[in-house]
Protein backbone atom coordinates (compact mmCIF):
# COMPACT_ATOMS: atom_id res chain seq x y z
CA MET A 1 125.36 96.46 103.75
CA LEU A 2 124.61 94.18 100.77
CA ASP A 3 121.48 96.19 99.93
CA ILE A 4 123.50 99.41 99.84
CA LEU A 5 126.23 97.86 97.69
CA ILE A 6 123.71 96.65 95.12
CA MET A 7 121.80 99.95 95.17
CA SER A 8 125.15 101.69 94.57
CA GLY A 9 125.69 99.66 91.39
CA TYR A 10 127.97 96.85 92.60
CA GLU A 11 127.20 93.26 91.67
CA SER A 12 127.43 91.67 95.12
CA TYR A 13 126.92 88.20 96.56
CA THR A 14 127.37 86.40 99.87
CA LEU A 15 129.02 82.99 100.22
CA ARG A 16 129.20 80.69 103.24
CA ASP A 17 131.37 78.04 101.60
CA HIS A 18 135.01 79.14 101.53
CA LYS A 19 135.95 76.24 99.23
CA LYS A 20 133.38 77.35 96.66
CA ALA A 21 134.63 80.94 96.99
CA ARG A 22 138.13 79.79 96.07
CA ARG A 23 136.80 77.87 93.06
CA ILE A 24 134.92 80.96 91.92
CA LEU A 25 138.10 83.04 92.16
CA LEU A 26 139.85 80.50 89.94
CA SER A 27 137.20 81.16 87.26
CA TYR A 28 136.83 84.89 87.97
CA PRO A 29 140.27 85.92 89.30
CA ASP A 30 139.63 89.66 89.08
CA SER A 31 136.80 89.50 91.62
CA ILE A 32 136.99 91.18 95.02
CA LEU A 33 136.42 88.96 98.06
CA PHE A 34 135.75 90.39 101.52
CA ILE A 35 136.29 87.70 104.15
CA ASN A 36 134.76 87.72 107.63
CA ILE A 37 137.56 86.10 109.62
CA ASP A 38 135.40 85.95 112.75
CA GLU A 39 133.26 83.15 111.31
CA GLY A 40 133.58 79.73 109.70
CA MET A 41 137.19 78.86 110.55
CA ARG A 42 139.78 79.68 113.13
CA GLU A 43 141.86 82.77 112.43
CA ALA A 44 144.97 80.69 111.73
CA GLU A 45 143.05 78.76 109.07
CA TRP A 46 141.89 82.01 107.46
CA ASP A 47 145.51 83.15 107.48
CA ALA A 48 146.56 80.07 105.50
CA TYR A 49 143.55 80.33 103.21
CA ILE A 50 144.25 83.96 102.29
CA ARG A 51 147.98 83.38 101.83
CA GLU A 52 147.22 80.53 99.42
CA ILE A 53 144.96 82.81 97.33
CA ARG A 54 147.60 85.55 97.33
CA GLN A 55 150.37 83.15 96.27
CA ASN A 56 148.45 81.13 93.69
CA GLN A 57 149.36 82.30 90.19
CA LYS A 58 145.73 81.88 89.07
CA THR A 59 144.18 83.96 91.88
CA LYS A 60 146.87 86.42 92.93
CA THR A 61 145.11 89.21 91.00
CA SER A 62 141.98 88.79 93.16
CA GLY A 63 141.23 91.62 95.56
CA ILE A 64 141.06 90.45 99.19
CA GLY A 65 139.67 92.50 102.06
CA ILE A 66 139.13 91.59 105.70
CA LEU A 67 135.97 92.06 107.77
CA SER A 68 136.26 91.63 111.55
CA TYR A 69 135.12 92.91 114.92
CA ASN A 70 138.65 92.27 116.18
CA SER A 71 140.52 95.58 116.47
CA ASP A 72 143.84 94.07 117.58
CA LYS A 73 146.54 96.16 115.94
CA ALA A 74 148.96 93.26 115.56
CA LEU A 75 146.30 91.26 113.71
CA MET A 76 145.53 94.19 111.44
CA GLN A 77 149.21 94.70 110.68
CA LYS A 78 149.62 91.02 109.81
CA TYR A 79 146.91 91.13 107.15
CA LEU A 80 147.73 94.57 105.83
CA MET A 81 151.54 94.47 105.92
CA ASP A 82 152.69 90.85 106.16
CA ILE A 83 150.11 89.19 103.93
CA GLY A 84 149.42 92.36 101.96
CA VAL A 85 145.68 92.17 101.42
CA PRO A 86 144.96 94.96 98.90
CA CYS A 87 141.42 95.84 99.93
CA GLY A 88 141.93 96.73 103.55
CA TYR A 89 140.90 95.60 107.01
CA ILE A 90 137.40 96.85 107.84
CA GLN A 91 136.51 96.97 111.54
CA LEU A 92 132.84 96.04 111.83
CA LYS A 93 132.61 97.42 115.36
CA THR A 94 132.50 100.93 113.87
CA GLY A 95 128.93 100.12 112.76
CA ILE A 96 127.26 99.31 109.45
CA PRO A 97 127.14 102.89 108.03
CA ALA A 98 130.87 103.51 108.62
CA SER A 99 131.89 100.01 107.47
CA THR A 100 129.78 100.32 104.33
CA LYS A 101 131.26 103.71 103.51
CA ILE A 102 134.79 102.26 103.75
CA MET A 103 133.82 99.32 101.57
CA LEU A 104 132.29 101.61 98.95
CA ASN A 105 135.50 103.66 98.89
CA VAL A 106 137.55 100.48 98.41
CA LEU A 107 135.30 99.28 95.58
CA LYS A 108 135.46 102.67 93.90
CA ALA A 109 139.26 102.80 94.18
CA ASN A 110 139.45 99.34 92.58
CA GLU A 111 137.03 100.33 89.80
CA ALA A 112 134.84 97.36 90.74
CA LYS A 113 131.85 98.76 88.90
CA GLY A 114 133.65 99.01 85.57
CA ARG A 115 131.64 100.85 82.95
CA ARG A 116 128.32 99.51 84.22
CA GLN A 117 126.21 102.08 86.04
CA PHE A 118 123.47 99.76 87.27
CA VAL A 119 123.38 96.16 88.49
CA ARG A 120 121.36 94.03 86.09
CA ALA A 121 119.81 90.69 86.99
CA SER A 122 118.80 88.09 84.43
CA CYS A 123 115.18 86.97 84.53
CA ALA A 124 115.30 84.62 81.54
CA ASP A 125 115.09 81.49 83.73
CA GLU A 126 112.69 83.02 86.25
CA PRO A 127 109.10 82.06 85.30
CA ALA A 128 107.59 84.40 87.90
CA ALA A 129 108.97 87.57 86.33
CA THR A 130 106.47 89.03 83.91
CA MET A 131 104.84 92.26 82.78
CA ASN A 132 101.53 93.30 81.29
CA TYR A 133 100.22 96.55 79.85
CA LYS A 134 96.67 97.65 79.11
CA SER A 135 96.58 100.16 76.29
CA PRO A 136 94.15 103.13 76.27
CA GLU A 137 92.15 101.15 73.69
CA GLY A 138 91.75 98.28 76.13
CA THR A 139 94.19 95.80 74.55
CA ILE A 140 96.27 93.87 77.06
CA PHE A 141 99.84 92.95 76.14
CA TYR A 142 101.76 90.32 78.09
CA GLY A 143 105.52 89.95 78.27
CA LYS A 144 108.25 87.85 79.88
CA LEU A 145 111.00 89.80 81.62
CA LEU A 146 114.47 89.01 80.33
CA ASP A 147 116.49 91.21 82.65
CA ILE A 148 115.96 94.06 85.09
CA SER A 149 117.92 96.85 86.74
CA CYS A 150 116.84 99.83 88.81
CA ALA A 151 116.90 101.79 85.51
CA GLY A 152 114.62 99.60 83.44
CA ILE A 153 113.74 96.23 81.96
CA ALA A 154 114.10 94.16 78.83
CA ALA A 155 111.10 92.00 78.01
CA ARG A 156 109.91 89.64 75.32
CA LEU A 157 106.45 90.37 73.94
CA GLU A 158 105.22 88.20 71.10
CA ARG A 159 102.54 90.80 70.38
CA PHE A 160 102.86 94.50 71.03
CA GLY A 161 101.30 97.75 69.85
CA ASP A 162 102.76 100.14 67.33
CA TYR A 163 104.41 102.66 69.65
CA PRO A 164 107.25 104.95 68.59
CA PRO A 165 110.42 105.22 70.71
CA ASN A 166 110.14 107.49 73.77
CA SER A 167 106.45 106.68 74.16
CA LYS A 168 105.33 106.76 77.77
CA LEU A 169 103.29 103.73 78.80
CA ARG A 170 101.24 104.32 81.92
CA GLU A 171 100.51 101.79 84.64
CA VAL A 172 102.57 98.89 83.37
CA GLN A 173 102.28 96.05 85.86
CA LEU A 174 105.36 94.04 86.82
CA ASN A 175 105.11 90.72 88.61
CA LEU A 176 108.35 89.96 90.45
CA ARG A 177 107.85 86.58 92.13
CA GLY A 178 104.40 87.58 93.32
CA LYS A 179 105.27 91.20 94.15
CA LEU A 180 103.15 93.47 91.97
CA ILE A 181 104.51 96.85 90.92
CA LEU A 182 102.46 99.36 88.94
CA THR A 183 104.65 101.97 87.26
CA ASP A 184 105.01 104.12 84.18
CA VAL A 185 107.76 103.22 81.70
CA ILE A 186 109.34 104.85 78.67
CA LEU A 187 109.68 102.69 75.56
CA MET A 188 113.21 102.87 74.12
CA GLY A 189 112.66 100.45 71.24
CA ASN A 190 113.36 96.85 70.38
CA ARG A 191 116.63 95.00 70.07
CA LYS A 192 117.95 94.96 66.55
CA ASP A 193 118.60 91.21 66.57
CA ASP A 194 115.08 90.32 67.77
CA THR A 195 112.03 92.49 67.09
CA HIS A 196 110.10 90.76 69.89
CA GLU A 197 112.51 91.95 72.58
CA TRP A 198 111.83 95.45 73.90
CA ILE A 199 113.69 97.84 76.18
CA PHE A 200 111.83 100.03 78.68
CA LEU A 201 113.13 102.62 81.14
CA PHE A 202 111.41 103.24 84.44
CA ASP A 203 109.88 106.62 85.14
CA PRO A 204 112.42 108.45 87.37
CA ARG A 205 109.51 109.45 89.61
CA MET A 206 108.74 105.84 90.50
CA GLN A 207 107.54 105.40 94.09
CA HIS A 208 110.34 104.72 96.57
CA ASN A 209 108.75 101.52 97.87
CA HIS A 210 108.60 100.18 94.30
CA LYS A 211 112.30 100.92 93.84
CA LEU A 212 113.04 98.97 97.01
CA GLU A 213 111.04 96.00 95.75
CA ILE A 214 113.02 96.01 92.52
CA HIS A 215 116.32 96.14 94.41
CA ARG A 216 115.21 93.25 96.63
CA PHE A 217 114.28 91.23 93.57
CA ILE A 218 117.67 91.95 91.98
CA LYS A 219 119.47 90.94 95.19
CA GLN A 220 117.48 87.70 95.43
CA SER A 221 118.15 86.92 91.76
CA LEU A 222 121.89 87.51 92.12
CA GLN A 223 122.04 85.37 95.25
CA LYS A 224 120.04 82.58 93.61
CA TYR A 225 122.54 82.62 90.73
CA ILE A 226 125.59 82.31 92.98
CA ASP A 227 123.94 79.67 95.22
CA THR A 228 123.11 77.43 92.25
CA LEU A 229 126.37 78.09 90.37
CA ASN A 230 127.92 74.68 89.77
CA ILE A 231 131.59 75.41 89.88
């Protein structure tokens, strides 16, 4: 489910610490939190936890949804009608495809994607995220990835050839934590505030397995960020 959410353009994380989740909502109150009430605490404790979030002035704007295999109608009514969770009660017993479709509809209705079309992961603090390109003349250029999405990358190259915008660079090699991807990219240009930072778009005809590797890297990077977030 998480893979599909990220591939659909939603910045998604998993959390196992409900106390940390509440602290994150205090800092990012417009987030959407789907809670699996079958795990971690007893249902009565989840009830109190969710009511506190809904009643707290600092987190009442947060979107809360329920995930559960429990299809008891009275339980569903309590969360949907009594507590008033705005993002629904998703029955996991319907299967991953159906549950994911419902979640995607909820996220779309809540405009969770905003204006962003693709999920972007920062690589600035990831030493094992690099690129290199061998020009037709045999010159090799090395770069450090700054961020990545399924659409393209931003990279810092201290030395780079004189290529005009929209140039197609063939067989650029990406190293994503040891996973090597060889793909063509289209040079968009450099960032105005730093002439050593360049923007590249991936060739739309990139191999499917390479796209999957990039999505996995993005998911791992996002999860690493949330796991190490000191909040």
